[in-house]
Amino acid sequence: MRAFVVTKYKEPLQEADVPEPTVGEHDVLVRMEAAGLNPLDEKIRIGEFKQILPYELPLVLGNDVAGTVIGVGTAVRDFKPGDEVYGRPDQDRIGTFAERIAVAEGDLALKPASISMNEAGSLPLVALTAWQALVERGKVRPGQKVLIHAGAGGVGSIAIQLAAHLGAHVATTASASNADFVRALGADTVIDYRTQDFEQLLTGYDLVLDSLGGETLEKSLRVLKPGGKAIGIAGPPEPTFAREAGLNPLLRLAVAALSRKIRMQAKKLGVTYEFLLMRASGDQLRQITTLVDQGVVRPVVGKVVGFDQTPQALQSLSQGGIRGKAVIGSG
């Protein structure tokens, strides 16, 4: 079976012939028809997350899948061959840059009927990230103020729509050329990150979803009202995450040191910082499917490349310039 693998950190993806997936009794065998390209894939490839995601190499990369069921385990009841599905495999079982993948039944959902396979392939990781940040962790309520950084990107474009649906006043950072685009998604306030300083323009926010880290995260703490929360998906990881992830004591100490500065800054300001590494959830995807088919949330696919172009497409993510997601797919 053809697949694209990480053979050595920081090296380009390599095409390889890998064994067919092993299908357990609770697994669903999916023929891959579309797979989203994510910054997380690139972070894994370059080894940035190797301490908190200690994969063995060679590793078939890929965190999003949409495709057709071609086989099921003996205990599977909710899916059958021929079903069109989408999902994000559990982090211990990624590998969607391949012709086929076995995914745990609980990590999959039926594909939204109203969208294409390529659009479905763009959604799982970013939609689950937005859901877990805004609904599960942030508990966003009508009338609250939410800042979403990089609103034209993969997570941002979905998070804006979800936050607006939840009744929040939504601010976002984007380039001037993307201002009308993010407003159409539901943003109320748009900050041109090239010419404006969001810290000088925003105040009293309940929640920030930060995908950039560094100085942007530090400044984000200062636009929160007392008791507000910043959720970071670019890091740094913090002790609660390390404990829940089951990291060993030495790694927990290292993680605590990495995030000590930002946690101390948050404490002084009377706000909190949390790191989010999204998890697989078929149940949450089913709720997202409902929103998609109701027209509340729409996928944003800015680029589609063929399977053969996977390594180049992944490396080009760092250049930016894509609205929403880049997808390995057809058409």
C-alpha atoms as a PDB file:
ATOM      1  CA  MET A   1       0.000   0.000   0.000  1.00  0.00           C
ATOM      2  CA  ARG A   2       1.323   3.451  -0.927  1.00  0.00           C
ATOM      3  CA  ALA A   3       1.877   5.927   1.887  1.00  0.00           C
ATOM      4  CA  PHE A   4       3.955   8.972   2.793  1.00  0.00           C
ATOM      5  CA  VAL A   5       6.111   8.518   5.863  1.00  0.00           C
ATOM      6  CA  VAL A   6       8.425  10.409   8.185  1.00  0.00           C
ATOM      7  CA  THR A   7      11.676   8.427   8.160  1.00  0.00           C
ATOM      8  CA  LYS A   8      13.764  11.039   9.982  1.00  0.00           C
ATOM      9  CA  TYR A   9      12.751  14.262  11.689  1.00  0.00           C
ATOM     10  CA  LYS A  10      13.235  17.418   9.576  1.00  0.00           C
ATOM     11  CA  GLU A  11      13.574  15.330   6.396  1.00  0.00           C
ATOM     12  CA  PRO A  12      10.928  15.575   3.629  1.00  0.00           C
ATOM     13  CA  LEU A  13       8.182  12.957   3.592  1.00  0.00           C
ATOM     14  CA  GLN A  14       9.130   9.828   1.680  1.00  0.00           C
ATOM     15  CA  GLU A  15       6.821   7.639  -0.363  1.00  0.00           C
ATOM     16  CA  ALA A  16       6.915   4.044   0.874  1.00  0.00           C
ATOM     17  CA  ASP A  17       5.223   0.709   0.397  1.00  0.00           C
ATOM     18  CA  VAL A  18       3.763  -0.099   3.827  1.00  0.00           C
ATOM     19  CA  PRO A  19       1.766  -3.082   5.119  1.00  0.00           C
ATOM     20  CA  GLU A  20      -2.002  -3.089   4.841  1.00  0.00           C
ATOM     21  CA  PRO A  21      -3.753  -1.851   8.011  1.00  0.00           C
ATOM     22  CA  THR A  22      -4.645  -4.349  10.697  1.00  0.00           C
ATOM     23  CA  VAL A  23      -8.388  -4.185  11.329  1.00  0.00           C
ATOM     24  CA  GLY A  24      -9.349  -4.877  14.935  1.00  0.00           C
ATOM     25  CA  GLU A  25     -12.819  -5.942  16.014  1.00  0.00           C
ATOM     26  CA  HIS A  26     -13.845  -2.323  16.758  1.00  0.00           C
ATOM     27  CA  ASP A  27     -12.102  -0.840  13.698  1.00  0.00           C
ATOM     28  CA  VAL A  28     -13.379   0.500  10.402  1.00  0.00           C
ATOM     29  CA  LEU A  29     -11.245   0.149   7.270  1.00  0.00           C
ATOM     30  CA  VAL A  30     -11.488   3.329   5.185  1.00  0.00           C
ATOM     31  CA  ARG A  31     -10.337   3.953   1.617  1.00  0.00           C
ATOM     32  CA  MET A  32      -8.794   7.407   1.813  1.00  0.00           C
ATOM     33  CA  GLU A  33     -10.334   9.857  -0.648  1.00  0.00           C
ATOM     34  CA  ALA A  34      -9.369  13.156   0.996  1.00  0.00           C
ATOM     35  CA  ALA A  35      -7.032  14.150   3.804  1.00  0.00           C
ATOM     36  CA  GLY A  36      -6.487  17.597   5.263  1.00  0.00           C
ATOM     37  CA  LEU A  37      -2.989  19.051   5.607  1.00  0.00           C
ATOM     38  CA  ASN A  38      -2.415  20.575   9.031  1.00  0.00           C
ATOM     39  CA  PRO A  39       0.303  22.558  10.811  1.00  0.00           C
ATOM     40  CA  LEU A  40       0.304  19.670  13.315  1.00  0.00           C
ATOM     41  CA  ASP A  41       1.526  17.360  10.532  1.00  0.00           C
ATOM     42  CA  GLU A  42       4.422  19.714   9.864  1.00  0.00           C
ATOM     43  CA  LYS A  43       5.225  20.061  13.586  1.00  0.00           C
ATOM     44  CA  ILE A  44       5.392  16.265  13.820  1.00  0.00           C
ATOM     45  CA  ARG A  45       7.578  16.036  10.686  1.00  0.00           C
ATOM     46  CA  ILE A  46      10.160  18.493  11.992  1.00  0.00           C
ATOM     47  CA  GLY A  47      10.177  16.921  15.460  1.00  0.00           C
ATOM     48  CA  GLU A  48       8.740  19.925  17.296  1.00  0.00           C
ATOM     49  CA  PHE A  49       6.236  17.783  19.213  1.00  0.00           C
ATOM     50  CA  LYS A  50       8.379  14.670  19.629  1.00  0.00           C
ATOM     51  CA  GLN A  51       8.498  14.973  23.425  1.00  0.00           C
ATOM     52  CA  ILE A  52       4.729  15.112  23.874  1.00  0.00           C
ATOM     53  CA  LEU A  53       3.942  12.904  20.861  1.00  0.00           C
ATOM     54  CA  PRO A  54       6.742  10.318  20.974  1.00  0.00           C
ATOM     55  CA  TYR A  55       6.130   8.466  17.716  1.00  0.00           C
ATOM     56  CA  GLU A  56       8.314   5.642  16.503  1.00  0.00           C
ATOM     57  CA  LEU A  57       9.809   6.202  13.066  1.00  0.00           C
ATOM     58  CA  PRO A  58       9.124   5.469  10.280  1.00  0.00           C
ATOM     59  CA  LEU A  59       5.668   7.007  10.753  1.00  0.00           C
ATOM     60  CA  VAL A  60       2.841   7.306   8.246  1.00  0.00           C
ATOM     61  CA  LEU A  61       1.751  10.930   8.679  1.00  0.00           C
ATOM     62  CA  GLY A  62      -1.729  12.459   8.372  1.00  0.00           C
ATOM     63  CA  ASN A  63      -4.396  13.508  10.885  1.00  0.00           C
ATOM     64  CA  ASP A  64      -7.587  13.960   8.807  1.00  0.00           C
ATOM     65  CA  VAL A  65      -9.477  11.477   6.689  1.00  0.00           C
ATOM     66  CA  ALA A  66     -12.597  11.355   4.572  1.00  0.00           C
ATOM     67  CA  GLY A  67     -13.405   8.311   2.519  1.00  0.00           C
ATOM     68  CA  THR A  68     -15.487   5.213   1.972  1.00  0.00           C
ATOM     69  CA  VAL A  69     -15.798   2.245   4.306  1.00  0.00           C
ATOM     70  CA  ILE A  70     -14.466  -0.927   2.670  1.00  0.00           C
ATOM     71  CA  GLY A  71     -14.438  -3.217   5.697  1.00  0.00           C
ATOM     72  CA  VAL A  72     -15.446  -3.385   9.360  1.00  0.00           C
ATOM     73  CA  GLY A  73     -14.353  -5.322  12.428  1.00  0.00           C
ATOM     74  CA  THR A  74     -16.549  -8.043  13.877  1.00  0.00           C
ATOM     75  CA  ALA A  75     -17.846  -5.810  16.703  1.00  0.00           C
ATOM     76  CA  VAL A  76     -18.633  -2.733  14.592  1.00  0.00           C
ATOM     77  CA  ARG A  77     -22.335  -1.878  14.509  1.00  0.00           C
ATOM     78  CA  ASP A  78     -22.593   1.745  13.341  1.00  0.00           C
ATOM     79  CA  PHE A  79     -20.817   1.534   9.985  1.00  0.00           C
ATOM     80  CA  LYS A  80     -20.968  -0.742   6.964  1.00  0.00           C
ATOM     81  CA  PRO A  81     -19.097  -1.044   3.655  1.00  0.00           C
ATOM     82  CA  GLY A  82     -20.105   1.734   1.295  1.00  0.00           C
ATOM     83  CA  ASP A  83     -20.670   4.359   4.014  1.00  0.00           C
ATOM     84  CA  GLU A  84     -18.997   7.710   3.414  1.00  0.00           C
ATOM     85  CA  VAL A  85     -17.240   8.750   6.614  1.00  0.00           C
ATOM     86  CA  TYR A  86     -14.835  11.289   8.010  1.00  0.00           C
ATOM     87  CA  GLY A  87     -12.765  11.564  11.149  1.00  0.00           C
ATOM     88  CA  ARG A  88      -9.557  12.262  12.961  1.00  0.00           C
ATOM     89  CA  PRO A  89      -7.888   9.028  14.106  1.00  0.00           C
ATOM     90  CA  ASP A  90      -6.683   8.821  17.681  1.00  0.00           C
ATOM     91  CA  GLN A  91      -3.245  10.435  18.037  1.00  0.00           C
ATOM     92  CA  ASP A  92      -1.682   7.002  18.569  1.00  0.00           C
ATOM     93  CA  ARG A  93      -3.122   5.754  15.273  1.00  0.00           C
ATOM     94  CA  ILE A  94      -2.618   8.584  12.798  1.00  0.00           C
ATOM     95  CA  GLY A  95      -1.586   7.789   9.245  1.00  0.00           C
ATOM     96  CA  THR A  96      -4.089   9.201   6.752  1.00  0.00           C
ATOM     97  CA  PHE A  97      -1.462   9.976   4.089  1.00  0.00           C
ATOM     98  CA  ALA A  98      -2.003   6.452   2.811  1.00  0.00           C
ATOM     99  CA  GLU A  99      -4.343   4.634   0.467  1.00  0.00           C
ATOM    100  CA  ARG A 100      -6.189   2.959   3.353  1.00  0.00           C
ATOM    101  CA  ILE A 101      -6.385   3.317   7.118  1.00  0.00           C
ATOM    102  CA  ALA A 102      -8.057   1.435   9.968  1.00  0.00           C
ATOM    103  CA  VAL A 103      -9.791   3.827  12.367  1.00  0.00           C
ATOM    104  CA  ALA A 104     -11.517   3.039  15.660  1.00  0.00           C
ATOM    105  CA  GLU A 105     -15.289   3.120  15.242  1.00  0.00           C
ATOM    106  CA  GLY A 106     -15.593   5.712  18.015  1.00  0.00           C
ATOM    107  CA  ASP A 107     -13.391   8.198  16.154  1.00  0.00           C
ATOM    108  CA  LEU A 108     -15.500   8.292  12.978  1.00  0.00           C
ATOM    109  CA  ALA A 109     -18.776   9.867  11.891  1.00  0.00           C
ATOM    110  CA  LEU A 110     -20.816   9.724   8.732  1.00  0.00           C
ATOM    111  CA  LYS A 111     -19.741  12.431   6.290  1.00  0.00           C
ATOM    112  CA  PRO A 112     -22.056  15.465   6.148  1.00  0.00           C
ATOM    113  CA  ALA A 113     -24.381  14.882   3.211  1.00  0.00           C
ATOM    114  CA  SER A 114     -24.261  18.499   2.047  1.00  0.00           C
ATOM    115  CA  ILE A 115     -20.519  18.731   1.316  1.00  0.00           C
ATOM    116  CA  SER A 116     -17.970  17.109  -0.957  1.00  0.00           C
ATOM    117  CA  MET A 117     -15.423  14.512   0.069  1.00  0.00           C
ATOM    118  CA  ASN A 118     -12.629  17.093  -0.223  1.00  0.00           C
ATOM    119  CA  GLU A 119     -14.516  19.469   2.063  1.00  0.00           C
ATOM    120  CA  ALA A 120     -15.133  16.670   4.548  1.00  0.00           C
ATOM    121  CA  GLY A 121     -11.438  15.793   4.523  1.00  0.00           C
ATOM    122  CA  SER A 122     -10.602  19.360   5.523  1.00  0.00           C
ATOM    123  CA  LEU A 123     -12.744  19.386   8.640  1.00  0.00           C
ATOM    124  CA  PRO A 124     -12.051  16.873  11.414  1.00  0.00           C
ATOM    125  CA  LEU A 125      -8.941  18.226  13.128  1.00  0.00           C
ATOM    126  CA  VAL A 126      -9.807  21.922  12.808  1.00  0.00           C
ATOM    127  CA  ALA A 127     -13.488  21.496  13.623  1.00  0.00           C
ATOM    128  CA  LEU A 128     -12.736  19.348  16.674  1.00  0.00           C
ATOM    129  CA  THR A 129     -10.122  21.881  17.793  1.00  0.00           C
ATOM    130  CA  ALA A 130     -12.630  24.720  17.524  1.00  0.00           C
ATOM    131  CA  TRP A 131     -15.331  22.695  19.285  1.00  0.00           C
ATOM    132  CA  GLN A 132     -13.095  21.622  22.154  1.00  0.00           C
ATOM    133  CA  ALA A 133     -11.751  25.173  22.604  1.00  0.00           C
ATOM    134  CA  LEU A 134     -15.033  27.086  22.374  1.00  0.00           C
ATOM    135  CA  VAL A 135     -17.704  24.646  23.554  1.00  0.00           C
ATOM    136  CA  GLU A 136     -15.915  22.214  25.843  1.00  0.00           C
ATOM    137  CA  ARG A 137     -13.169  24.346  27.422  1.00  0.00           C
ATOM    138  CA  GLY A 138     -14.385  27.910  26.798  1.00  0.00           C
ATOM    139  CA  LYS A 139     -18.094  27.284  27.411  1.00  0.00           C
ATOM    140  CA  VAL A 140     -18.830  30.283  25.198  1.00  0.00           C
ATOM    141  CA  ARG A 141     -22.199  31.904  25.879  1.00  0.00           C
ATOM    142  CA  PRO A 142     -24.233  34.547  24.030  1.00  0.00           C
ATOM    143  CA  GLY A 143     -22.893  38.055  24.516  1.00  0.00           C
ATOM    144  CA  GLN A 144     -19.357  37.025  25.414  1.00  0.00           C
ATOM    145  CA  LYS A 145     -16.370  38.485  23.583  1.00  0.00           C
ATOM    146  CA  VAL A 146     -14.061  36.037  21.805  1.00  0.00           C
ATOM    147  CA  LEU A 147     -10.810  36.781  19.972  1.00  0.00           C
ATOM    148  CA  ILE A 148      -9.714  34.246  17.366  1.00  0.00           C
ATOM    149  CA  HIS A 149      -6.275  34.701  15.865  1.00  0.00           C
ATOM    150  CA  ALA A 150      -5.500  33.910  12.200  1.00  0.00           C
ATOM    151  CA  GLY A 151      -9.161  33.968  11.253  1.00  0.00           C
ATOM    152  CA  ALA A 152      -8.587  33.070   7.602  1.00  0.00           C
ATOM    153  CA  GLY A 153      -6.679  29.889   8.466  1.00  0.00           C
ATOM    154  CA  GLY A 154      -7.884  26.342   8.995  1.00  0.00           C
ATOM    155  CA  VAL A 155      -8.840  26.512  12.679  1.00  0.00           C
ATOM    156  CA  GLY A 156      -9.711  30.201  12.575  1.00  0.00           C
ATOM    157  CA  SER A 157     -12.184  29.964   9.708  1.00  0.00           C
ATOM    158  CA  ILE A 158     -14.174  27.271  11.513  1.00  0.00           C
ATOM    159  CA  ALA A 159     -13.817  28.834  14.984  1.00  0.00           C
ATOM    160  CA  ILE A 160     -15.230  32.170  13.787  1.00  0.00           C
ATOM    161  CA  GLN A 161     -18.339  30.445  12.445  1.00  0.00           C
ATOM    162  CA  LEU A 162     -18.807  28.376  15.594  1.00  0.00           C
ATOM    163  CA  ALA A 163     -18.265  31.320  17.966  1.00  0.00           C
ATOM    164  CA  ALA A 164     -20.764  33.426  16.003  1.00  0.00           C
ATOM    165  CA  HIS A 165     -23.277  30.559  16.149  1.00  0.00           C
ATOM    166  CA  LEU A 166     -22.801  30.435  19.928  1.00  0.00           C
ATOM    167  CA  GLY A 167     -23.795  34.100  20.107  1.00  0.00           C
ATOM    168  CA  ALA A 168     -20.400  35.641  20.853  1.00  0.00           C
ATOM    169  CA  HIS A 169     -19.043  38.963  19.651  1.00  0.00           C
ATOM    170  CA  VAL A 170     -16.135  37.746  17.520  1.00  0.00           C
ATOM    171  CA  ALA A 171     -12.903  39.596  16.860  1.00  0.00           C
ATOM    172  CA  THR A 172     -10.192  38.172  14.644  1.00  0.00           C
ATOM    173  CA  THR A 173      -6.789  39.003  13.225  1.00  0.00           C
ATOM    174  CA  ALA A 174      -6.286  38.692   9.473  1.00  0.00           C
ATOM    175  CA  SER A 175      -4.643  40.455   6.551  1.00  0.00           C
ATOM    176  CA  ALA A 176      -6.497  43.343   4.928  1.00  0.00           C
ATOM    177  CA  SER A 177      -7.083  41.199   1.845  1.00  0.00           C
ATOM    178  CA  ASN A 178      -8.969  38.678   3.989  1.00  0.00           C
ATOM    179  CA  ALA A 179     -11.066  41.208   5.941  1.00  0.00           C
ATOM    180  CA  ASP A 180     -14.251  40.777   3.904  1.00  0.00           C
ATOM    181  CA  PHE A 181     -13.779  37.008   3.908  1.00  0.00           C
ATOM    182  CA  VAL A 182     -13.620  36.707   7.705  1.00  0.00           C
ATOM    183  CA  ARG A 183     -16.513  39.151   8.124  1.00  0.00           C
ATOM    184  CA  ALA A 184     -18.580  36.893   5.878  1.00  0.00           C
ATOM    185  CA  LEU A 185     -17.728  34.000   8.199  1.00  0.00           C
ATOM    186  CA  GLY A 186     -19.158  35.944  11.155  1.00  0.00           C
ATOM    187  CA  ALA A 187     -16.375  38.160  12.519  1.00  0.00           C
ATOM    188  CA  ASP A 188     -17.648  41.431  14.033  1.00  0.00           C
ATOM    189  CA  THR A 189     -14.253  43.100  14.498  1.00  0.00           C
ATOM    190  CA  VAL A 190     -11.319  42.541  12.145  1.00  0.00           C
ATOM    191  CA  ILE A 191      -7.784  43.602  13.058  1.00  0.00           C
ATOM    192  CA  ASP A 192      -5.243  43.908  10.226  1.00  0.00           C
ATOM    193  CA  TYR A 193      -2.281  42.212  11.870  1.00  0.00           C
ATOM    194  CA  ARG A 194       0.144  43.905   9.467  1.00  0.00           C
ATOM    195  CA  THR A 195      -0.817  47.503  10.304  1.00  0.00           C
ATOM    196  CA  GLN A 196      -2.714  47.337  13.597  1.00  0.00           C
ATOM    197  CA  ASP A 197      -1.877  46.175  17.123  1.00  0.00           C
ATOM    198  CA  PHE A 198      -4.763  44.139  18.489  1.00  0.00           C
ATOM    199  CA  GLU A 199      -3.591  44.745  22.060  1.00  0.00           C
ATOM    200  CA  GLN A 200      -4.157  48.475  21.618  1.00  0.00           C
ATOM    201  CA  LEU A 201      -7.628  48.028  20.119  1.00  0.00           C
ATOM    202  CA  LEU A 202      -9.256  45.237  22.125  1.00  0.00           C
ATOM    203  CA  THR A 203     -10.077  44.934  25.800  1.00  0.00           C
ATOM    204  CA  GLY A 204     -12.381  43.029  28.138  1.00  0.00           C
ATOM    205  CA  TYR A 205     -12.423  39.738  26.217  1.00  0.00           C
ATOM    206  CA  ASP A 206     -13.682  36.520  27.781  1.00  0.00           C
ATOM    207  CA  LEU A 207     -11.707  34.093  25.638  1.00  0.00           C
ATOM    208  CA  VAL A 208      -8.795  34.066  23.197  1.00  0.00           C
ATOM    209  CA  LEU A 209      -8.079  31.157  20.857  1.00  0.00           C
ATOM    210  CA  ASP A 210      -4.418  31.488  19.914  1.00  0.00           C
ATOM    211  CA  SER A 211      -2.793  29.484  17.141  1.00  0.00           C
ATOM    212  CA  LEU A 212       0.391  31.555  16.901  1.00  0.00           C
ATOM    213  CA  GLY A 213       2.104  31.466  20.298  1.00  0.00           C
ATOM    214  CA  GLY A 214       5.078  33.604  21.320  1.00  0.00           C
ATOM    215  CA  GLU A 215       4.512  37.358  21.581  1.00  0.00           C
ATOM    216  CA  THR A 216       0.977  37.035  20.224  1.00  0.00           C
ATOM    217  CA  LEU A 217       0.034  34.776  23.117  1.00  0.00           C
ATOM    218  CA  GLU A 218       1.616  37.133  25.665  1.00  0.00           C
ATOM    219  CA  LYS A 219      -0.283  40.108  24.244  1.00  0.00           C
ATOM    220  CA  SER A 220      -3.475  38.054  24.133  1.00  0.00           C
ATOM    221  CA  LEU A 221      -3.407  37.678  27.912  1.00  0.00           C
ATOM    222  CA  ARG A 222      -3.595  41.448  28.215  1.00  0.00           C
ATOM    223  CA  VAL A 223      -6.819  41.814  26.206  1.00  0.00           C
ATOM    224  CA  LEU A 224      -8.654  39.416  28.525  1.00  0.00           C
ATOM    225  CA  LYS A 225     -10.870  40.649  31.326  1.00  0.00           C
ATOM    226  CA  PRO A 226     -10.154  39.347  34.853  1.00  0.00           C
ATOM    227  CA  GLY A 227     -11.148  35.679  34.942  1.00  0.00           C
ATOM    228  CA  GLY A 228     -10.748  35.366  31.187  1.00  0.00           C
ATOM    229  CA  LYS A 229      -9.014  32.472  29.484  1.00  0.00           C
ATOM    230  CA  ALA A 230      -6.473  32.068  26.684  1.00  0.00           C
ATOM    231  CA  ILE A 231      -6.412  28.704  24.961  1.00  0.00           C
ATOM    232  CA  GLY A 232      -3.270  28.014  22.949  1.00  0.00           C
ATOM    233  CA  ILE A 233      -2.947  25.356  20.273  1.00  0.00           C
ATOM    234  CA  ALA A 234       0.625  26.255  19.290  1.00  0.00           C
ATOM    235  CA  GLY A 235       1.988  25.879  22.812  1.00  0.00           C
ATOM    236  CA  PRO A 236       3.671  25.959  25.135  1.00  0.00           C
ATOM    237  CA  PRO A 237       2.206  22.873  26.831  1.00  0.00           C
ATOM    238  CA  GLU A 238       1.472  23.301  30.553  1.00  0.00           C
ATOM    239  CA  PRO A 239       1.422  21.012  33.636  1.00  0.00           C
ATOM    240  CA  THR A 240      -2.271  20.087  33.454  1.00  0.00           C
ATOM    241  CA  PHE A 241      -1.813  18.881  29.885  1.00  0.00           C
ATOM    242  CA  ALA A 242       1.344  16.967  30.850  1.00  0.00           C
ATOM    243  CA  ARG A 243      -0.448  15.220  33.711  1.00  0.00           C
ATOM    244  CA  GLU A 244      -3.519  14.317  31.633  1.00  0.00           C
ATOM    245  CA  ALA A 245      -1.288  13.098  28.795  1.00  0.00           C
ATOM    246  CA  GLY A 246       0.482  10.730  31.203  1.00  0.00           C
ATOM    247  CA  LEU A 247       3.943  12.132  30.509  1.00  0.00           C
ATOM    248  CA  ASN A 248       6.758  10.841  32.704  1.00  0.00           C
ATOM    249  CA  PRO A 249       7.950  12.951  35.678  1.00  0.00           C
ATOM    250  CA  LEU A 250      10.998  14.329  33.876  1.00  0.00           C
ATOM    251  CA  LEU A 251       8.920  15.447  30.916  1.00  0.00           C
ATOM    252  CA  ARG A 252       6.382  16.985  33.269  1.00  0.00           C
ATOM    253  CA  LEU A 253       9.142  19.079  34.808  1.00  0.00           C
ATOM    254  CA  ALA A 254      10.329  20.124  31.356  1.00  0.00           C
ATOM    255  CA  VAL A 255       6.811  21.079  30.291  1.00  0.00           C
ATOM    256  CA  ALA A 256       6.323  23.086  33.486  1.00  0.00           C
ATOM    257  CA  ALA A 257       9.531  24.986  32.773  1.00  0.00           C
ATOM    258  CA  LEU A 258       8.505  25.701  29.162  1.00  0.00           C
ATOM    259  CA  SER A 259       5.243  27.314  30.203  1.00  0.00           C
ATOM    260  CA  ARG A 260       6.279  28.912  33.506  1.00  0.00           C
ATOM    261  CA  LYS A 261       6.715  32.403  32.041  1.00  0.00           C
ATOM    262  CA  ILE A 262       3.320  32.534  30.340  1.00  0.00           C
ATOM    263  CA  ARG A 263       1.553  31.001  33.346  1.00  0.00           C
ATOM    264  CA  MET A 264       3.111  33.567  35.686  1.00  0.00           C
ATOM    265  CA  GLN A 265       2.089  36.383  33.354  1.00  0.00           C
ATOM    266  CA  ALA A 266      -1.456  35.042  33.293  1.00  0.00           C
ATOM    267  CA  LYS A 267      -1.585  34.741  37.082  1.00  0.00           C
ATOM    268  CA  LYS A 268      -0.453  38.354  37.562  1.00  0.00           C
ATOM    269  CA  LEU A 269      -3.218  39.507  35.214  1.00  0.00           C
ATOM    270  CA  GLY A 270      -5.878  37.396  36.935  1.00  0.00           C
ATOM    271  CA  VAL A 271      -6.474  35.271  33.832  1.00  0.00           C
ATOM    272  CA  THR A 272      -5.671  31.683  32.871  1.00  0.00           C
ATOM    273  CA  TYR A 273      -3.768  29.927  30.105  1.00  0.00           C
ATOM    274  CA  GLU A 274      -4.469  26.420  28.851  1.00  0.00           C
ATOM    275  CA  PHE A 275      -2.786  24.366  26.137  1.00  0.00           C
ATOM    276  CA  LEU A 276      -5.090  22.336  23.901  1.00  0.00           C
ATOM    277  CA  LEU A 277      -4.013  19.341  21.852  1.00  0.00           C
ATOM    278  CA  MET A 278      -7.294  18.207  20.388  1.00  0.00           C
ATOM    279  CA  ARG A 279      -8.450  14.621  20.748  1.00  0.00           C
ATOM    280  CA  ALA A 280     -10.404  12.369  18.434  1.00  0.00           C
ATOM    281  CA  SER A 281     -14.172  12.198  18.998  1.00  0.00           C
ATOM    282  CA  GLY A 282     -16.786  10.709  16.717  1.00  0.00           C
ATOM    283  CA  ASP A 283     -19.520  11.987  19.050  1.00  0.00           C
ATOM    284  CA  GLN A 284     -18.391  15.601  18.660  1.00  0.00           C
ATOM    285  CA  LEU A 285     -18.028  15.140  14.902  1.00  0.00           C
ATOM    286  CA  ARG A 286     -21.661  14.060  14.719  1.00  0.00           C
ATOM    287  CA  GLN A 287     -22.676  17.342  16.360  1.00  0.00           C
ATOM    288  CA  ILE A 288     -20.459  19.209  13.906  1.00  0.00           C
ATOM    289  CA  THR A 289     -22.073  17.267  11.043  1.00  0.00           C
ATOM    290  CA  THR A 290     -25.464  18.592  12.112  1.00  0.00           C
ATOM    291  CA  LEU A 291     -24.169  22.181  12.036  1.00  0.00           C
ATOM    292  CA  VAL A 292     -22.617  21.617   8.606  1.00  0.00           C
ATOM    293  CA  ASP A 293     -25.787  20.153   7.124  1.00  0.00           C
ATOM    294  CA  GLN A 294     -27.822  23.017   8.653  1.00  0.00           C
ATOM    295  CA  GLY A 295     -25.539  25.509   6.910  1.00  0.00           C
ATOM    296  CA  VAL A 296     -24.247  26.934  10.201  1.00  0.00           C
ATOM    297  CA  VAL A 297     -20.642  25.891   9.557  1.00  0.00           C
ATOM    298  CA  ARG A 298     -19.130  25.580   6.112  1.00  0.00           C
ATOM    299  CA  PRO A 299     -15.714  24.108   5.310  1.00  0.00           C
ATOM    300  CA  VAL A 300     -13.174  26.370   3.638  1.00  0.00           C
ATOM    301  CA  VAL A 301     -10.900  24.558   1.176  1.00  0.00           C
ATOM    302  CA  GLY A 302      -8.323  26.869  -0.339  1.00  0.00           C
ATOM    303  CA  LYS A 303      -6.236  24.305  -2.204  1.00  0.00           C
ATOM    304  CA  VAL A 304      -6.552  20.706  -3.397  1.00  0.00           C
ATOM    305  CA  VAL A 305      -3.506  18.664  -4.454  1.00  0.00           C
ATOM    306  CA  GLY A 306      -3.089  15.124  -5.704  1.00  0.00           C
ATOM    307  CA  PHE A 307      -1.772  12.306  -3.523  1.00  0.00           C
ATOM    308  CA  ASP A 308       1.583  12.393  -5.330  1.00  0.00           C
ATOM    309  CA  GLN A 309       2.094  16.024  -4.281  1.00  0.00           C
ATOM    310  CA  THR A 310       1.733  15.367  -0.534  1.00  0.00           C
ATOM    311  CA  PRO A 311       5.367  16.091   0.522  1.00  0.00           C
ATOM    312  CA  GLN A 312       5.580  19.372  -1.383  1.00  0.00           C
ATOM    313  CA  ALA A 313       2.134  20.494  -0.247  1.00  0.00           C
ATOM    314  CA  LEU A 314       2.980  19.845   3.393  1.00  0.00           C
ATOM    315  CA  GLN A 315       6.212  21.814   3.244  1.00  0.00           C
ATOM    316  CA  SER A 316       4.466  24.722   1.493  1.00  0.00           C
ATOM    317  CA  LEU A 317       2.071  25.177   4.436  1.00  0.00           C
ATOM    318  CA  SER A 318       4.663  27.346   6.164  1.00  0.00           C
ATOM    319  CA  GLN A 319       4.451  29.850   3.301  1.00  0.00           C
ATOM    320  CA  GLY A 320       0.857  30.671   4.230  1.00  0.00           C
ATOM    321  CA  GLY A 321      -1.481  32.359   1.781  1.00  0.00           C
ATOM    322  CA  ILE A 322      -4.156  29.638   1.839  1.00  0.00           C
ATOM    323  CA  ARG A 323      -7.655  30.450   3.022  1.00  0.00           C
ATOM    324  CA  GLY A 324      -8.914  27.636   5.200  1.00  0.00           C
ATOM    325  CA  LYS A 325      -7.346  24.284   4.470  1.00  0.00           C
ATOM    326  CA  ALA A 326      -5.179  22.573   1.917  1.00  0.00           C
ATOM    327  CA  VAL A 327      -6.403  19.074   1.124  1.00  0.00           C
ATOM    328  CA  ILE A 328      -5.003  15.974  -0.510  1.00  0.00           C
ATOM    329  CA  GLY A 329      -7.852  14.813  -2.671  1.00  0.00           C
ATOM    330  CA  SER A 330      -9.308  14.801  -6.135  1.00  0.00           C
ATOM    331  CA  GLY A 331     -10.493  17.518  -8.444  1.00  0.00           C
END
